[in-house]
Structures are given as structure tokens and as C-alpha cells.
Amino acid sequence: MKYKDLILVKFADNIRHKRNELGISQEELAFRAGVHRTYIGMVERAERNVSLVYAEKIAIALNTTISELLK
């Protein structure tokens, strides 16, 4: 697996984990982040290469930071 793929999978897994930890749905996360629900699904499946702007929106919606989502 390429490094790009690894970081997308790690980011996706951490978003899903944090979302589940908060007990919110993809739809609720999308609402909080101001994005479409299908976008969150694609991010959580590592199908989207998220821009920094959207990574920050998602991190804020999850009450965390981008750096925490990349650990």
C-alpha cells in the first residue's frame, strides 16, 4: 500500500472511531461539519483525499484537531 493510501486509511479510521466515541451518526457529523452526508461516508472509507479546509471542519465537528486524527 502506498503512503498516500496509508494516511487516508488512518485518517478515515480515526474519524470513524472518534465519531463512534461521540455516539453520533455520519449524518450528524456531516451537519456539524457543514458537508454532505455522502462526503463523510466517502472520507470514512478512505475514498476521498480531504483538503485541509475540510479536514479542519471535520476535526472541529468532532471536538478534536487534525493532528489527533492523523495519529
N, C-alpha and C. Protein backbone atom coordinates (compact mmCIF):
# COMPACT_ATOMS: atom_id res chain seq x y z
N MET A 1 0.85 -1.19 0.00
CA MET A 1 0.00 0.00 0.00
C MET A 1 0.89 1.24 0.00
N LYS A 2 0.54 2.22 -0.80
CA LYS A 2 1.30 3.46 -0.88
C LYS A 2 1.10 4.31 0.37
N TYR A 3 2.08 5.18 0.67
CA TYR A 3 1.99 6.06 1.83
C TYR A 3 0.72 6.89 1.79
N LYS A 4 0.38 7.42 0.61
CA LYS A 4 -0.85 8.22 0.47
C LYS A 4 -2.06 7.42 0.93
N ASP A 5 -2.12 6.16 0.52
CA ASP A 5 -3.23 5.31 0.90
C ASP A 5 -3.24 5.06 2.41
N LEU A 6 -2.07 4.83 2.98
CA LEU A 6 -1.97 4.56 4.41
C LEU A 6 -2.47 5.74 5.24
N ILE A 7 -2.09 6.94 4.87
CA ILE A 7 -2.50 8.11 5.64
C ILE A 7 -4.01 8.35 5.50
N LEU A 8 -4.56 8.09 4.32
CA LEU A 8 -6.01 8.24 4.14
C LEU A 8 -6.78 7.22 4.97
N VAL A 9 -6.28 5.99 5.03
CA VAL A 9 -6.93 4.95 5.82
C VAL A 9 -6.84 5.28 7.31
N LYS A 10 -5.68 5.75 7.75
CA LYS A 10 -5.51 6.11 9.16
C LYS A 10 -6.45 7.26 9.53
N PHE A 11 -6.50 8.28 8.68
CA PHE A 11 -7.38 9.42 8.91
C PHE A 11 -8.84 8.96 8.96
N ALA A 12 -9.23 8.12 8.02
CA ALA A 12 -10.60 7.60 7.96
C ALA A 12 -10.95 6.81 9.21
N ASP A 13 -10.05 5.92 9.61
CA ASP A 13 -10.29 5.10 10.81
C ASP A 13 -10.44 5.96 12.06
N ASN A 14 -9.60 6.98 12.16
CA ASN A 14 -9.66 7.86 13.33
C ASN A 14 -10.93 8.70 13.36
N ILE A 15 -11.39 9.12 12.21
CA ILE A 15 -12.66 9.87 12.15
C ILE A 15 -13.80 8.95 12.59
N ARG A 16 -13.85 7.75 12.04
CA ARG A 16 -14.91 6.80 12.39
C ARG A 16 -14.87 6.49 13.89
N HIS A 17 -13.67 6.26 14.41
CA HIS A 17 -13.53 5.94 15.84
C HIS A 17 -14.02 7.10 16.70
N LYS A 18 -13.59 8.31 16.39
CA LYS A 18 -13.99 9.49 17.17
C LYS A 18 -15.49 9.73 17.07
N ARG A 19 -16.05 9.55 15.86
CA ARG A 19 -17.49 9.73 15.67
C ARG A 19 -18.26 8.72 16.52
N ASN A 20 -17.83 7.47 16.49
CA ASN A 20 -18.48 6.44 17.30
C ASN A 20 -18.31 6.70 18.79
N GLU A 21 -17.16 7.19 19.17
CA GLU A 21 -16.90 7.55 20.57
C GLU A 21 -17.89 8.62 21.04
N LEU A 22 -18.20 9.56 20.16
CA LEU A 22 -19.15 10.62 20.48
C LEU A 22 -20.60 10.16 20.35
N GLY A 23 -20.80 9.00 19.75
CA GLY A 23 -22.15 8.46 19.58
C GLY A 23 -22.99 9.22 18.58
N ILE A 24 -22.34 9.72 17.52
CA ILE A 24 -23.09 10.46 16.50
C ILE A 24 -23.04 9.72 15.17
N SER A 25 -24.04 9.95 14.36
CA SER A 25 -24.13 9.32 13.04
C SER A 25 -23.29 10.10 12.03
N GLN A 26 -23.09 9.48 10.87
CA GLN A 26 -22.42 10.19 9.78
C GLN A 26 -23.23 11.43 9.40
N GLU A 27 -24.54 11.30 9.43
CA GLU A 27 -25.41 12.44 9.09
C GLU A 27 -25.21 13.59 10.07
N GLU A 28 -25.13 13.28 11.36
CA GLU A 28 -24.90 14.31 12.37
C GLU A 28 -23.53 14.95 12.21
N LEU A 29 -22.52 14.14 11.95
CA LEU A 29 -21.18 14.69 11.73
C LEU A 29 -21.18 15.61 10.52
N ALA A 30 -21.83 15.17 9.46
CA ALA A 30 -21.90 15.99 8.25
C ALA A 30 -22.58 17.33 8.54
N PHE A 31 -23.66 17.30 9.29
CA PHE A 31 -24.37 18.52 9.66
C PHE A 31 -23.45 19.45 10.45
N ARG A 32 -22.77 18.90 11.45
CA ARG A 32 -21.87 19.71 12.28
C ARG A 32 -20.71 20.30 11.48
N ALA A 33 -20.23 19.54 10.49
CA ALA A 33 -19.09 19.99 9.69
C ALA A 33 -19.50 20.84 8.49
N GLY A 34 -20.80 20.86 8.19
CA GLY A 34 -21.27 21.65 7.05
C GLY A 34 -20.96 21.01 5.71
N VAL A 35 -20.98 19.67 5.69
CA VAL A 35 -20.73 18.94 4.44
C VAL A 35 -21.87 17.95 4.22
N HIS A 36 -21.89 17.32 3.06
CA HIS A 36 -22.94 16.35 2.75
C HIS A 36 -22.64 15.01 3.41
N ARG A 37 -23.68 14.30 3.80
CA ARG A 37 -23.53 13.00 4.47
C ARG A 37 -22.72 12.01 3.63
N THR A 38 -22.95 12.01 2.33
CA THR A 38 -22.22 11.06 1.48
C THR A 38 -20.73 11.37 1.46
N TYR A 39 -20.38 12.65 1.64
CA TYR A 39 -18.96 13.04 1.70
C TYR A 39 -18.30 12.39 2.91
N ILE A 40 -18.96 12.43 4.06
CA ILE A 40 -18.43 11.81 5.28
C ILE A 40 -18.24 10.32 5.06
N GLY A 41 -19.20 9.67 4.43
CA GLY A 41 -19.08 8.24 4.13
C GLY A 41 -17.87 7.95 3.27
N MET A 42 -17.66 8.77 2.26
CA MET A 42 -16.51 8.58 1.37
C MET A 42 -15.19 8.81 2.11
N VAL A 43 -15.17 9.79 2.99
CA VAL A 43 -13.97 10.05 3.80
C VAL A 43 -13.70 8.86 4.72
N GLU A 44 -14.73 8.35 5.37
CA GLU A 44 -14.55 7.23 6.30
C GLU A 44 -14.16 5.94 5.59
N ARG A 45 -14.42 5.83 4.30
CA ARG A 45 -13.99 4.67 3.52
C ARG A 45 -12.66 4.94 2.82
N ALA A 46 -12.04 6.08 3.11
CA ALA A 46 -10.76 6.49 2.52
C ALA A 46 -10.85 6.61 1.00
N GLU A 47 -12.01 7.01 0.51
CA GLU A 47 -12.22 7.20 -0.93
C GLU A 47 -11.97 8.64 -1.37
N ARG A 48 -11.85 9.54 -0.41
CA ARG A 48 -11.63 10.97 -0.71
C ARG A 48 -10.31 11.43 -0.12
N ASN A 49 -9.57 12.18 -0.89
CA ASN A 49 -8.36 12.83 -0.39
C ASN A 49 -8.81 14.21 0.10
N VAL A 50 -8.98 14.33 1.39
CA VAL A 50 -9.60 15.50 2.01
C VAL A 50 -8.65 16.70 1.98
N SER A 51 -9.19 17.87 1.62
CA SER A 51 -8.40 19.09 1.68
C SER A 51 -8.23 19.51 3.14
N LEU A 52 -7.26 20.36 3.40
CA LEU A 52 -7.03 20.84 4.77
C LEU A 52 -8.25 21.59 5.30
N VAL A 53 -8.93 22.30 4.44
CA VAL A 53 -10.12 23.05 4.87
C VAL A 53 -11.18 22.09 5.40
N TYR A 54 -11.45 21.02 4.66
CA TYR A 54 -12.46 20.06 5.09
C TYR A 54 -11.97 19.21 6.26
N ALA A 55 -10.69 18.91 6.30
CA ALA A 55 -10.14 18.17 7.44
C ALA A 55 -10.34 18.98 8.72
N GLU A 56 -10.13 20.28 8.65
CA GLU A 56 -10.33 21.15 9.81
C GLU A 56 -11.81 21.21 10.20
N LYS A 57 -12.70 21.30 9.22
CA LYS A 57 -14.14 21.32 9.52
C LYS A 57 -14.56 20.05 10.24
N ILE A 58 -14.06 18.91 9.75
CA ILE A 58 -14.39 17.63 10.37
C ILE A 58 -13.80 17.54 11.77
N ALA A 59 -12.56 17.96 11.93
CA ALA A 59 -11.92 17.92 13.24
C ALA A 59 -12.68 18.78 14.25
N ILE A 60 -13.05 19.96 13.86
CA ILE A 60 -13.81 20.85 14.76
C ILE A 60 -15.15 20.21 15.12
N ALA A 61 -15.81 19.61 14.14
CA ALA A 61 -17.10 18.97 14.39
C ALA A 61 -16.97 17.79 15.35
N LEU A 62 -15.77 17.20 15.41
CA LEU A 62 -15.51 16.08 16.31
C LEU A 62 -14.85 16.53 17.62
N ASN A 63 -14.74 17.83 17.80
CA ASN A 63 -14.10 18.40 19.01
C ASN A 63 -12.67 17.90 19.18
N THR A 64 -11.92 17.90 18.10
CA THR A 64 -10.54 17.44 18.13
C THR A 64 -9.72 18.27 17.15
N THR A 65 -8.51 17.83 16.86
CA THR A 65 -7.64 18.53 15.93
C THR A 65 -7.28 17.61 14.77
N ILE A 66 -6.81 18.22 13.69
CA ILE A 66 -6.35 17.43 12.55
C ILE A 66 -5.22 16.51 12.99
N SER A 67 -4.30 17.02 13.78
CA SER A 67 -3.17 16.20 14.19
C SER A 67 -3.61 14.97 14.99
N GLU A 68 -4.66 15.09 15.79
CA GLU A 68 -5.17 13.94 16.52
C GLU A 68 -5.79 12.92 15.57
N LEU A 69 -6.39 13.38 14.50
CA LEU A 69 -6.99 12.47 13.53
C LEU A 69 -5.96 11.77 12.66
N LEU A 70 -4.72 12.24 12.69
CA LEU A 70 -3.66 11.63 11.90
C LEU A 70 -2.77 10.71 12.72
N LYS A 71 -3.02 10.59 14.00
CA LYS A 71 -2.18 9.72 14.87
C LYS A 71 -2.47 8.27 14.64
